[in-house]
Structures are given as C-alpha cells and as structure tokens.
Amino acid sequence: MWLIHVDTRKLHWHAGETLPRYAILSHTWGDNEVTFQDMHHQIDRSIHDKAGYRKIDFTCNRAKADGLYWAWVDTCCIDKSSSAELSEAINSMFRWYHNARTSSTTQQQTDQLSEDTTPSAIAGGSLVDGHCKN
C-alpha cells in the first residue's frame, strides 16, 4: 500500500499486515487530479499547481493535526498504469477504508478550500469535511 508522508508529501510503500496508522480521503474526482506518477516522480513543484494537490495538502494537514504521519488518497496512491496494482487496490479498498484511523470526506464545489465546517461554509459549498475518527 502506497502512503503519503504528511511532512514530506512523498510516497512510501508499506507492505504486510502491520501498516502504520493513516488518514484516508474520500472525495469526488475533479479535473487536474494528481496521479501516482506525479507524486512518485516529483521532479519539480508543478504538481503543487494542480487543483487536486490542494486536497492532498488538506488531507496531510488534517492527518498531522490528528497526530498521524501517513495519508492515503486514491488518485495518487494507486498506480493505475499497473493492471495488477489497480486490481489489488480495487479488491483492497474496503479494507483500506475500514482500517484508516481517520477519514475525511470532501465535496469540492468551488475553488476556495477551507477547514470551516460551520453550516454557512457547508451551504456555501467550499470544502465539506465530514471528519471521522476510528
């Protein structure tokens, strides 16, 4: 399982039954998402300009605030160019969500991201954060 280190924003492979505690993001896919290849081969900072990177950044910051060092976001933690890895990810998805220490659910409707989850922010459609701890 590929996980993002919340401080470095780099992918690391974790195998076996003993995984570190991690946060997970459930979200709707949009235009300009960050892919596994983008994260794995961060040659320059151009991925930071992608709209999807803001969700990764938000998830890592939220995980860190919860005392976690790792995060998982499907758009960039699954190598979709590998049919074997994609198949394994599809078959493991339920377990990965179940084993996550925290889960944030976002629905991005505008370009403005916010951690404000007051009713006015939710109605405004900025970033709805349905945050749960396991």
N, C-alpha and C. Protein backbone atom coordinates (compact mmCIF):
# COMPACT_ATOMS: atom_id res chain seq x y z
N MET A 1 0.85 -1.17 0.00
CA MET A 1 0.00 0.00 0.00
C MET A 1 0.89 1.23 0.00
N TRP A 2 0.68 2.10 -0.96
CA TRP A 2 1.41 3.37 -1.01
C TRP A 2 0.74 4.37 -0.09
N LEU A 3 1.52 5.03 0.75
CA LEU A 3 1.02 6.08 1.64
C LEU A 3 1.86 7.34 1.46
N ILE A 4 1.25 8.47 1.72
CA ILE A 4 1.92 9.76 1.63
C ILE A 4 2.41 10.15 3.01
N HIS A 5 3.68 10.50 3.14
CA HIS A 5 4.18 11.01 4.41
C HIS A 5 3.67 12.45 4.55
N VAL A 6 3.03 12.77 5.66
CA VAL A 6 2.35 14.06 5.79
C VAL A 6 3.30 15.25 5.83
N ASP A 7 4.56 15.03 6.21
CA ASP A 7 5.52 16.14 6.24
C ASP A 7 6.20 16.35 4.90
N THR A 8 6.63 15.27 4.28
CA THR A 8 7.41 15.39 3.03
C THR A 8 6.55 15.38 1.79
N ARG A 9 5.32 14.88 1.91
CA ARG A 9 4.39 14.71 0.77
C ARG A 9 4.97 13.73 -0.27
N LYS A 10 5.81 12.79 0.20
CA LYS A 10 6.41 11.77 -0.67
C LYS A 10 5.70 10.44 -0.44
N LEU A 11 5.61 9.63 -1.50
CA LEU A 11 5.02 8.31 -1.40
C LEU A 11 6.02 7.31 -0.83
N HIS A 12 5.52 6.41 0.01
CA HIS A 12 6.33 5.33 0.58
C HIS A 12 5.50 4.05 0.52
N TRP A 13 6.16 2.95 0.18
CA TRP A 13 5.49 1.66 0.11
C TRP A 13 5.49 1.00 1.48
N HIS A 14 4.33 0.50 1.90
CA HIS A 14 4.18 -0.23 3.15
C HIS A 14 3.55 -1.57 2.82
N ALA A 15 4.21 -2.64 3.20
CA ALA A 15 3.70 -3.98 2.90
C ALA A 15 3.47 -4.76 4.17
N GLY A 16 2.71 -5.81 4.04
CA GLY A 16 2.48 -6.69 5.17
C GLY A 16 1.23 -6.34 5.94
N GLU A 17 1.03 -7.08 6.98
CA GLU A 17 -0.16 -6.93 7.81
C GLU A 17 -0.07 -5.73 8.75
N THR A 18 1.14 -5.31 9.11
CA THR A 18 1.31 -4.21 10.04
C THR A 18 1.55 -2.92 9.28
N LEU A 19 0.49 -2.14 9.13
CA LEU A 19 0.59 -0.85 8.46
C LEU A 19 0.60 0.24 9.52
N PRO A 20 1.23 1.37 9.21
CA PRO A 20 1.16 2.49 10.16
C PRO A 20 -0.26 3.06 10.19
N ARG A 21 -0.57 3.77 11.23
CA ARG A 21 -1.87 4.45 11.29
C ARG A 21 -1.90 5.52 10.21
N TYR A 22 -3.02 5.66 9.52
CA TYR A 22 -3.10 6.61 8.41
C TYR A 22 -4.50 7.22 8.32
N ALA A 23 -4.54 8.37 7.68
CA ALA A 23 -5.80 9.04 7.36
C ALA A 23 -6.14 8.72 5.92
N ILE A 24 -7.42 8.78 5.60
CA ILE A 24 -7.84 8.50 4.24
C ILE A 24 -8.78 9.61 3.78
N LEU A 25 -8.76 9.88 2.50
CA LEU A 25 -9.64 10.91 1.92
C LEU A 25 -10.63 10.25 0.98
N SER A 26 -11.89 10.52 1.19
CA SER A 26 -12.94 10.10 0.27
C SER A 26 -13.44 11.37 -0.41
N HIS A 27 -13.40 11.39 -1.72
CA HIS A 27 -13.71 12.63 -2.41
C HIS A 27 -14.23 12.36 -3.81
N THR A 28 -14.78 13.39 -4.42
CA THR A 28 -15.16 13.28 -5.82
C THR A 28 -13.96 13.71 -6.66
N TRP A 29 -13.75 12.99 -7.74
CA TRP A 29 -12.63 13.33 -8.62
C TRP A 29 -13.01 14.53 -9.46
N GLY A 30 -12.03 15.40 -9.65
CA GLY A 30 -12.25 16.59 -10.48
C GLY A 30 -11.23 16.65 -11.59
N ASP A 31 -11.20 17.76 -12.24
CA ASP A 31 -10.20 17.99 -13.28
C ASP A 31 -8.85 18.22 -12.63
N ASN A 32 -7.81 17.81 -13.31
CA ASN A 32 -6.44 18.11 -12.90
C ASN A 32 -6.06 17.48 -11.56
N GLU A 33 -6.42 16.21 -11.38
CA GLU A 33 -6.03 15.47 -10.18
C GLU A 33 -4.55 15.10 -10.26
N VAL A 34 -3.93 14.90 -9.12
CA VAL A 34 -2.54 14.47 -9.04
C VAL A 34 -2.52 12.95 -9.15
N THR A 35 -1.72 12.41 -10.04
CA THR A 35 -1.64 10.97 -10.25
C THR A 35 -0.49 10.36 -9.44
N PHE A 36 -0.46 9.04 -9.44
CA PHE A 36 0.63 8.31 -8.81
C PHE A 36 1.96 8.72 -9.44
N GLN A 37 1.99 8.79 -10.78
CA GLN A 37 3.22 9.17 -11.47
C GLN A 37 3.66 10.58 -11.08
N ASP A 38 2.71 11.50 -10.94
CA ASP A 38 3.04 12.86 -10.49
C ASP A 38 3.72 12.84 -9.12
N MET A 39 3.12 12.09 -8.19
CA MET A 39 3.65 12.05 -6.82
C MET A 39 4.97 11.29 -6.75
N HIS A 40 5.06 10.19 -7.48
CA HIS A 40 6.24 9.32 -7.41
C HIS A 40 7.47 9.97 -8.05
N HIS A 41 7.24 10.78 -9.06
CA HIS A 41 8.36 11.40 -9.79
C HIS A 41 8.33 12.92 -9.64
N GLN A 42 8.23 13.40 -8.42
CA GLN A 42 8.16 14.84 -8.18
C GLN A 42 9.49 15.49 -8.56
N ILE A 43 9.62 15.78 -9.84
CA ILE A 43 10.86 16.38 -10.33
C ILE A 43 10.88 17.87 -10.03
N ASP A 44 9.74 18.49 -10.16
CA ASP A 44 9.65 19.92 -9.85
C ASP A 44 8.37 20.16 -9.04
N ARG A 45 8.06 21.38 -8.79
CA ARG A 45 6.91 21.71 -7.96
C ARG A 45 5.64 21.91 -8.77
N SER A 46 5.63 21.49 -10.04
CA SER A 46 4.47 21.73 -10.89
C SER A 46 3.22 21.01 -10.38
N ILE A 47 3.38 19.90 -9.65
CA ILE A 47 2.18 19.23 -9.15
C ILE A 47 1.45 20.08 -8.11
N HIS A 48 2.17 20.99 -7.49
CA HIS A 48 1.55 21.86 -6.50
C HIS A 48 0.55 22.82 -7.15
N ASP A 49 0.67 22.99 -8.45
CA ASP A 49 -0.24 23.87 -9.18
C ASP A 49 -1.52 23.16 -9.61
N LYS A 50 -1.55 21.85 -9.52
CA LYS A 50 -2.73 21.09 -9.91
C LYS A 50 -3.83 21.28 -8.86
N ALA A 51 -5.06 21.37 -9.32
CA ALA A 51 -6.19 21.55 -8.41
C ALA A 51 -6.28 20.42 -7.40
N GLY A 52 -6.00 19.19 -7.82
CA GLY A 52 -6.09 18.04 -6.92
C GLY A 52 -5.07 18.05 -5.80
N TYR A 53 -3.98 18.79 -5.96
CA TYR A 53 -2.96 18.82 -4.92
C TYR A 53 -3.49 19.47 -3.65
N ARG A 54 -4.43 20.39 -3.78
CA ARG A 54 -4.99 21.05 -2.60
C ARG A 54 -5.69 20.05 -1.69
N LYS A 55 -6.34 19.05 -2.29
CA LYS A 55 -7.00 18.01 -1.48
C LYS A 55 -5.97 17.15 -0.76
N ILE A 56 -4.87 16.86 -1.44
CA ILE A 56 -3.79 16.08 -0.82
C ILE A 56 -3.19 16.87 0.33
N ASP A 57 -2.94 18.13 0.09
CA ASP A 57 -2.38 19.01 1.12
C ASP A 57 -3.33 19.10 2.32
N PHE A 58 -4.61 19.28 2.05
CA PHE A 58 -5.62 19.35 3.11
C PHE A 58 -5.62 18.07 3.93
N THR A 59 -5.60 16.92 3.24
CA THR A 59 -5.63 15.62 3.92
C THR A 59 -4.41 15.42 4.79
N CYS A 60 -3.25 15.78 4.26
CA CYS A 60 -2.00 15.64 5.04
C CYS A 60 -2.01 16.56 6.25
N ASN A 61 -2.48 17.78 6.08
CA ASN A 61 -2.55 18.71 7.21
C ASN A 61 -3.53 18.22 8.27
N ARG A 62 -4.66 17.67 7.82
CA ARG A 62 -5.66 17.15 8.74
C ARG A 62 -5.11 15.94 9.49
N ALA A 63 -4.43 15.05 8.76
CA ALA A 63 -3.83 13.86 9.39
C ALA A 63 -2.81 14.28 10.44
N LYS A 64 -1.98 15.24 10.10
CA LYS A 64 -0.95 15.72 11.02
C LYS A 64 -1.60 16.30 12.28
N ALA A 65 -2.67 17.05 12.10
CA ALA A 65 -3.39 17.62 13.25
C ALA A 65 -3.95 16.52 14.15
N ASP A 66 -4.24 15.36 13.57
CA ASP A 66 -4.75 14.23 14.33
C ASP A 66 -3.63 13.34 14.87
N GLY A 67 -2.39 13.78 14.71
CA GLY A 67 -1.26 13.01 15.25
C GLY A 67 -0.82 11.85 14.37
N LEU A 68 -1.19 11.88 13.10
CA LEU A 68 -0.82 10.81 12.17
C LEU A 68 0.30 11.28 11.25
N TYR A 69 1.09 10.34 10.76
CA TYR A 69 2.20 10.65 9.87
C TYR A 69 1.95 10.24 8.43
N TRP A 70 0.84 9.53 8.20
CA TRP A 70 0.60 8.96 6.88
C TRP A 70 -0.82 9.26 6.41
N ALA A 71 -0.97 9.37 5.09
CA ALA A 71 -2.29 9.61 4.49
C ALA A 71 -2.41 8.81 3.20
N TRP A 72 -3.64 8.53 2.83
CA TRP A 72 -3.92 7.80 1.59
C TRP A 72 -5.00 8.54 0.81
N VAL A 73 -4.70 8.82 -0.45
CA VAL A 73 -5.65 9.47 -1.36
C VAL A 73 -5.64 8.63 -2.64
N ASP A 74 -6.79 8.16 -3.04
CA ASP A 74 -6.85 7.19 -4.15
C ASP A 74 -6.25 7.71 -5.46
N THR A 75 -6.42 8.98 -5.76
CA THR A 75 -5.95 9.50 -7.05
C THR A 75 -4.44 9.37 -7.21
N CYS A 76 -3.71 9.43 -6.11
CA CYS A 76 -2.24 9.43 -6.24
C CYS A 76 -1.55 8.28 -5.52
N CYS A 77 -2.28 7.45 -4.82
CA CYS A 77 -1.66 6.34 -4.10
C CYS A 77 -1.87 4.99 -4.78
N ILE A 78 -2.50 5.01 -5.94
CA ILE A 78 -2.69 3.80 -6.73
C ILE A 78 -2.04 4.01 -8.08
N ASP A 79 -1.16 3.10 -8.44
CA ASP A 79 -0.52 3.16 -9.76
C ASP A 79 -1.48 2.54 -10.77
N LYS A 80 -2.28 3.41 -11.40
CA LYS A 80 -3.30 2.94 -12.33
C LYS A 80 -2.71 2.46 -13.66
N SER A 81 -1.41 2.66 -13.87
CA SER A 81 -0.77 2.15 -15.09
C SER A 81 -0.44 0.66 -14.95
N SER A 82 -0.51 0.14 -13.74
CA SER A 82 -0.25 -1.28 -13.47
C SER A 82 -1.58 -1.99 -13.25
N SER A 83 -1.96 -2.86 -14.17
CA SER A 83 -3.25 -3.55 -14.02
C SER A 83 -3.27 -4.42 -12.76
N ALA A 84 -2.15 -5.00 -12.40
CA ALA A 84 -2.09 -5.83 -11.19
C ALA A 84 -2.31 -4.97 -9.94
N GLU A 85 -1.66 -3.82 -9.88
CA GLU A 85 -1.82 -2.94 -8.71
C GLU A 85 -3.23 -2.36 -8.66
N LEU A 86 -3.78 -2.00 -9.82
CA LEU A 86 -5.13 -1.47 -9.85
C LEU A 86 -6.13 -2.52 -9.38
N SER A 87 -5.97 -3.76 -9.82
CA SER A 87 -6.85 -4.84 -9.40
C SER A 87 -6.73 -5.08 -7.89
N GLU A 88 -5.51 -5.10 -7.38
CA GLU A 88 -5.29 -5.26 -5.94
C GLU A 88 -5.94 -4.12 -5.15
N ALA A 89 -5.82 -2.91 -5.65
CA ALA A 89 -6.40 -1.75 -4.97
C ALA A 89 -7.93 -1.85 -4.93
N ILE A 90 -8.53 -2.24 -6.04
CA ILE A 90 -9.99 -2.38 -6.08
C ILE A 90 -10.44 -3.44 -5.08
N ASN A 91 -9.72 -4.54 -5.02
CA ASN A 91 -10.08 -5.62 -4.10
C ASN A 91 -9.79 -5.28 -2.64
N SER A 92 -8.90 -4.34 -2.39
CA SER A 92 -8.50 -3.98 -1.02
C SER A 92 -9.17 -2.73 -0.49
N MET A 93 -9.89 -2.02 -1.35
CA MET A 93 -10.42 -0.70 -0.99
C MET A 93 -11.25 -0.72 0.30
N PHE A 94 -12.16 -1.67 0.43
CA PHE A 94 -12.99 -1.71 1.62
C PHE A 94 -12.12 -1.83 2.87
N ARG A 95 -11.14 -2.74 2.84
CA ARG A 95 -10.24 -2.94 3.99
C ARG A 95 -9.45 -1.68 4.30
N TRP A 96 -8.98 -0.99 3.25
CA TRP A 96 -8.19 0.22 3.46
C TRP A 96 -9.03 1.31 4.13
N TYR A 97 -10.28 1.47 3.69
CA TYR A 97 -11.15 2.45 4.34
C TYR A 97 -11.46 2.02 5.78
N HIS A 98 -11.74 0.75 5.96
CA HIS A 98 -12.07 0.23 7.29
C HIS A 98 -10.90 0.41 8.27
N ASN A 99 -9.67 0.21 7.80
CA ASN A 99 -8.50 0.27 8.69
C ASN A 99 -7.94 1.68 8.88
N ALA A 100 -8.45 2.64 8.16
CA ALA A 100 -7.95 4.01 8.31
C ALA A 100 -8.27 4.53 9.71
N ARG A 101 -7.34 5.25 10.29
CA ARG A 101 -7.53 5.82 11.62
C ARG A 101 -8.53 6.97 11.58
N THR A 102 -8.44 7.80 10.55
CA THR A 102 -9.40 8.89 10.35
C THR A 102 -9.80 8.91 8.88
N SER A 103 -10.96 9.46 8.63
CA SER A 103 -11.45 9.60 7.26
C SER A 103 -12.07 10.97 7.10
N SER A 104 -11.67 11.66 6.05
CA SER A 104 -12.28 12.95 5.73
C SER A 104 -13.00 12.80 4.40
N THR A 105 -14.19 13.32 4.35
CA THR A 105 -14.97 13.29 3.13
C THR A 105 -15.11 14.71 2.63
N THR A 106 -14.72 14.94 1.41
CA THR A 106 -14.80 16.29 0.88
C THR A 106 -15.65 16.33 -0.36
N GLN A 107 -16.27 17.44 -0.54
CA GLN A 107 -17.01 17.70 -1.76
C GLN A 107 -16.62 19.10 -2.18
N GLN A 108 -15.78 19.18 -3.16
CA GLN A 108 -15.28 20.47 -3.61
C GLN A 108 -16.22 21.03 -4.67
N GLN A 109 -16.83 22.16 -4.38
CA GLN A 109 -17.75 22.76 -5.33
C GLN A 109 -17.27 24.12 -5.82
N THR A 110 -16.26 24.65 -5.16
CA THR A 110 -15.70 25.92 -5.61
C THR A 110 -14.20 25.80 -5.56
N ASP A 111 -13.51 26.83 -6.01
CA ASP A 111 -12.05 26.82 -5.98
C ASP A 111 -11.50 27.16 -4.61
N GLN A 112 -12.35 27.60 -3.70
CA GLN A 112 -11.91 28.02 -2.36
C GLN A 112 -11.94 26.83 -1.41
N LEU A 113 -10.81 26.48 -0.82
CA LEU A 113 -10.79 25.42 0.17
C LEU A 113 -10.73 26.03 1.56
N SER A 114 -11.42 25.40 2.48
CA SER A 114 -11.47 25.91 3.83
C SER A 114 -11.65 24.75 4.79
N GLU A 115 -11.16 24.88 5.99
CA GLU A 115 -11.41 23.87 7.01
C GLU A 115 -12.64 24.24 7.83
N ASP A 116 -13.33 25.31 7.45
CA ASP A 116 -14.51 25.77 8.16
C ASP A 116 -15.67 24.82 7.87
N THR A 117 -16.19 24.16 8.88
CA THR A 117 -17.30 23.23 8.67
C THR A 117 -18.58 23.76 9.32
N THR A 118 -18.67 25.07 9.49
CA THR A 118 -19.89 25.65 10.02
C THR A 118 -20.99 25.51 8.97
N PRO A 119 -22.25 25.57 9.38
CA PRO A 119 -23.34 25.43 8.40
C PRO A 119 -23.23 26.43 7.24
N SER A 120 -22.76 27.64 7.51
CA SER A 120 -22.65 28.62 6.42
C SER A 120 -21.58 28.20 5.41
N ALA A 121 -20.48 27.60 5.89
CA ALA A 121 -19.44 27.14 4.97
C ALA A 121 -19.93 25.94 4.17
N ILE A 122 -20.69 25.07 4.83
CA ILE A 122 -21.21 23.91 4.13
C ILE A 122 -22.21 24.35 3.07
N ALA A 123 -23.09 25.27 3.43
CA ALA A 123 -24.07 25.76 2.46
C ALA A 123 -23.38 26.47 1.31
N GLY A 124 -22.27 27.15 1.61
CA GLY A 124 -21.52 27.85 0.58
C GLY A 124 -20.76 26.91 -0.33
N GLY A 125 -20.62 25.65 0.07
CA GLY A 125 -20.02 24.63 -0.77
C GLY A 125 -18.52 24.72 -0.91
N SER A 126 -17.82 25.34 0.04
CA SER A 126 -16.36 25.42 -0.11
C SER A 126 -15.76 24.03 0.04
N LEU A 127 -15.46 23.60 1.23
CA LEU A 127 -14.97 22.24 1.44
C LEU A 127 -15.76 21.66 2.59
N VAL A 128 -16.50 20.65 2.30
CA VAL A 128 -17.28 20.00 3.33
C VAL A 128 -16.41 18.90 3.89
N ASP A 129 -16.13 18.96 5.16
CA ASP A 129 -15.24 17.98 5.77
C ASP A 129 -16.04 17.15 6.75
N GLY A 130 -16.41 15.97 6.34
CA GLY A 130 -17.08 15.03 7.21
C GLY A 130 -16.01 14.18 7.87
N HIS A 131 -15.43 14.64 8.92
CA HIS A 131 -14.24 14.03 9.53
C HIS A 131 -14.67 13.03 10.59
N CYS A 132 -14.20 11.79 10.47
CA CYS A 132 -14.47 10.77 11.50
C CYS A 132 -13.18 10.14 11.95
N LYS A 133 -13.16 9.77 13.19
CA LYS A 133 -12.00 9.07 13.74
C LYS A 133 -12.40 7.63 14.03
N ASN A 134 -11.48 6.73 13.77
CA ASN A 134 -11.71 5.31 14.00
C ASN A 134 -11.01 4.88 15.28
